[in-house]
Amino acid sequence: MSLKKVFGSQGEASVAAYLEKIGYVIIGRNYKKMHGEIDLIARKDSEIAFVEVKTRSNTYIEPENLISPAQRKKIIATAKVYAAEHDLVDYVWRFDAALLIGTPPYQKLTYIPNAFTEEE
C-alpha cells in the first residue's frame, strides 16, 4: 500500500473515531460505485452524514476549496445510490468534510458539517 493510501486510511480512522465520540455510528467506509467514492457514512438519530476526508501533511487549504465541484457531483451521485440501496428515505442527508493537518497523530482536525449541498 502506498504511503498516500496509508496516510488517507489513518485520517479516515481518526475522523471515524471523532464521529463515534460525538454519538455517530459509522455505517459505511470507502463506499465505491461507478460514480465515485464516499470515505465515511455516519448515522446519528435521523441524520446521515456522507463525509469526505482530506489529509494534508503540513499545508492548509481554505475549507471552501476542500472539494471541487466535480468531486461534489460524484459524491452526491454516489450518495444517491447508497441511499437507494439502503432504503434511507426517512433520513435527512448531509454532506460533510473533514480536514486533517499534520502527520499521525494529527495535529488539527477541522470538521465541517454541511460542507456543501445538492443545489451547489
Protein backbone atom coordinates (compact mmCIF):
# COMPACT_ATOMS: atom_id res chain seq x y z
CA MET A 1 0.00 0.00 0.00
CA SER A 2 1.35 3.43 -0.91
CA LEU A 3 2.25 5.99 1.74
CA LYS A 4 -0.55 8.23 0.45
CA LYS A 5 -3.11 5.41 0.94
CA VAL A 6 -1.80 4.67 4.43
CA PHE A 7 -1.94 8.37 5.33
CA GLY A 8 -5.50 8.61 4.00
CA SER A 9 -6.63 5.46 5.80
CA GLN A 10 -5.22 6.73 9.08
CA GLY A 11 -7.02 10.03 8.54
CA GLU A 12 -10.32 8.29 7.88
CA ALA A 13 -9.86 6.22 11.04
CA SER A 14 -9.22 9.40 13.06
CA VAL A 15 -12.35 11.08 11.68
CA ALA A 16 -14.42 7.93 12.30
CA ALA A 17 -13.21 7.89 15.93
CA TYR A 18 -14.13 11.56 16.29
CA LEU A 19 -17.63 10.96 14.90
CA GLU A 20 -18.18 7.96 17.18
CA LYS A 21 -17.05 10.05 20.15
CA ILE A 22 -19.79 12.60 19.42
CA GLY A 23 -22.50 9.98 19.05
CA TYR A 24 -22.44 8.85 15.41
CA VAL A 25 -22.43 5.26 14.23
CA ILE A 26 -20.21 4.55 11.23
CA ILE A 27 -22.37 2.61 8.77
CA GLY A 28 -20.08 2.71 5.75
CA ARG A 29 -16.41 3.17 4.83
CA ASN A 30 -14.90 3.66 1.42
CA TYR A 31 -18.18 3.05 -0.37
CA LYS A 32 -17.35 2.84 -4.08
CA LYS A 33 -19.62 2.86 -7.08
CA MET A 34 -19.25 3.79 -10.72
CA HIS A 35 -19.92 7.46 -9.92
CA GLY A 36 -17.29 7.82 -7.21
CA GLU A 37 -16.42 7.07 -3.62
CA ILE A 38 -17.56 8.21 -0.19
CA ASP A 39 -14.96 7.96 2.55
CA LEU A 40 -17.28 7.64 5.55
CA ILE A 41 -21.02 7.30 6.05
CA ALA A 42 -22.26 8.03 9.55
CA ARG A 43 -25.69 7.95 11.21
CA LYS A 44 -26.98 9.78 14.26
CA ASP A 45 -30.68 9.69 15.04
CA SER A 46 -32.44 10.58 11.77
CA GLU A 47 -29.37 12.09 10.07
CA ILE A 48 -26.97 10.52 7.61
CA ALA A 49 -23.64 12.25 7.03
CA PHE A 50 -21.71 11.46 3.88
CA VAL A 51 -18.16 12.52 4.80
CA GLU A 52 -15.24 13.39 2.55
CA VAL A 53 -11.92 13.18 4.40
CA LYS A 54 -8.88 15.18 3.27
CA THR A 55 -5.45 14.75 4.83
CA ARG A 56 -2.54 17.13 4.38
CA SER A 57 0.90 16.73 5.91
CA ASN A 58 1.76 20.37 6.51
CA THR A 59 -0.30 22.71 4.39
CA TYR A 60 -3.65 24.32 4.94
CA ILE A 61 -6.33 24.89 2.35
CA GLU A 62 -9.41 27.01 2.81
CA PRO A 63 -12.46 24.90 3.70
CA GLU A 64 -14.39 26.16 0.67
CA ASN A 65 -11.63 24.74 -1.56
CA LEU A 66 -11.63 21.29 0.02
CA ILE A 67 -13.86 19.58 -2.51
CA SER A 68 -14.02 20.54 -6.17
CA PRO A 69 -17.40 20.98 -7.92
CA ALA A 70 -16.72 17.84 -9.98
CA GLN A 71 -15.95 15.83 -6.86
CA ARG A 72 -19.10 17.15 -5.18
CA LYS A 73 -21.20 15.88 -8.09
CA LYS A 74 -19.58 12.44 -7.80
CA ILE A 75 -20.18 12.30 -4.05
CA ILE A 76 -23.82 13.33 -4.45
CA ALA A 77 -24.42 10.74 -7.20
CA THR A 78 -22.75 8.02 -5.12
CA ALA A 79 -24.75 9.02 -2.02
CA LYS A 80 -27.98 8.67 -4.01
CA VAL A 81 -27.02 5.12 -4.98
CA TYR A 82 -26.12 4.27 -1.37
CA ALA A 83 -29.40 5.75 -0.10
CA ALA A 84 -31.41 3.76 -2.63
CA GLU A 85 -29.58 0.52 -1.80
CA HIS A 86 -30.09 1.03 1.94
CA ASP A 87 -33.62 2.50 1.90
CA LEU A 88 -32.70 5.81 3.56
CA VAL A 89 -35.86 7.68 2.60
CA ASP A 90 -36.70 8.51 6.23
CA TYR A 91 -33.32 10.12 6.93
CA VAL A 92 -32.05 13.65 6.46
CA TRP A 93 -28.84 13.61 4.44
CA ARG A 94 -25.97 15.99 4.59
CA PHE A 95 -22.55 16.25 3.02
CA ASP A 96 -19.71 16.91 5.46
CA ALA A 97 -15.98 17.41 5.04
CA ALA A 98 -13.08 16.75 7.38
CA LEU A 99 -9.59 18.18 7.00
CA LEU A 100 -6.68 16.73 8.95
CA ILE A 101 -3.43 18.69 9.02
CA GLY A 102 -0.16 17.09 10.16
CA THR A 103 1.18 13.59 10.40
CA PRO A 104 -0.43 10.95 12.62
CA PRO A 105 -1.47 11.57 15.31
CA TYR A 106 -2.93 14.56 13.54
CA GLN A 107 -2.28 17.99 14.92
CA LYS A 108 -5.51 19.58 13.81
CA LEU A 109 -8.94 18.32 12.73
CA THR A 110 -11.36 20.71 11.08
CA TYR A 111 -14.81 19.14 10.72
CA ILE A 112 -17.31 20.93 8.50
CA PRO A 113 -20.95 19.78 8.74
CA ASN A 114 -22.99 20.67 5.66
CA ALA A 115 -19.83 21.48 3.69
CA PHE A 116 -21.93 21.51 0.52
CA THR A 117 -25.44 20.77 -0.68
CA GLU A 118 -27.01 19.21 -3.75
CA GLU A 119 -28.00 22.64 -5.02
CA GLU A 120 -24.44 23.96 -5.30
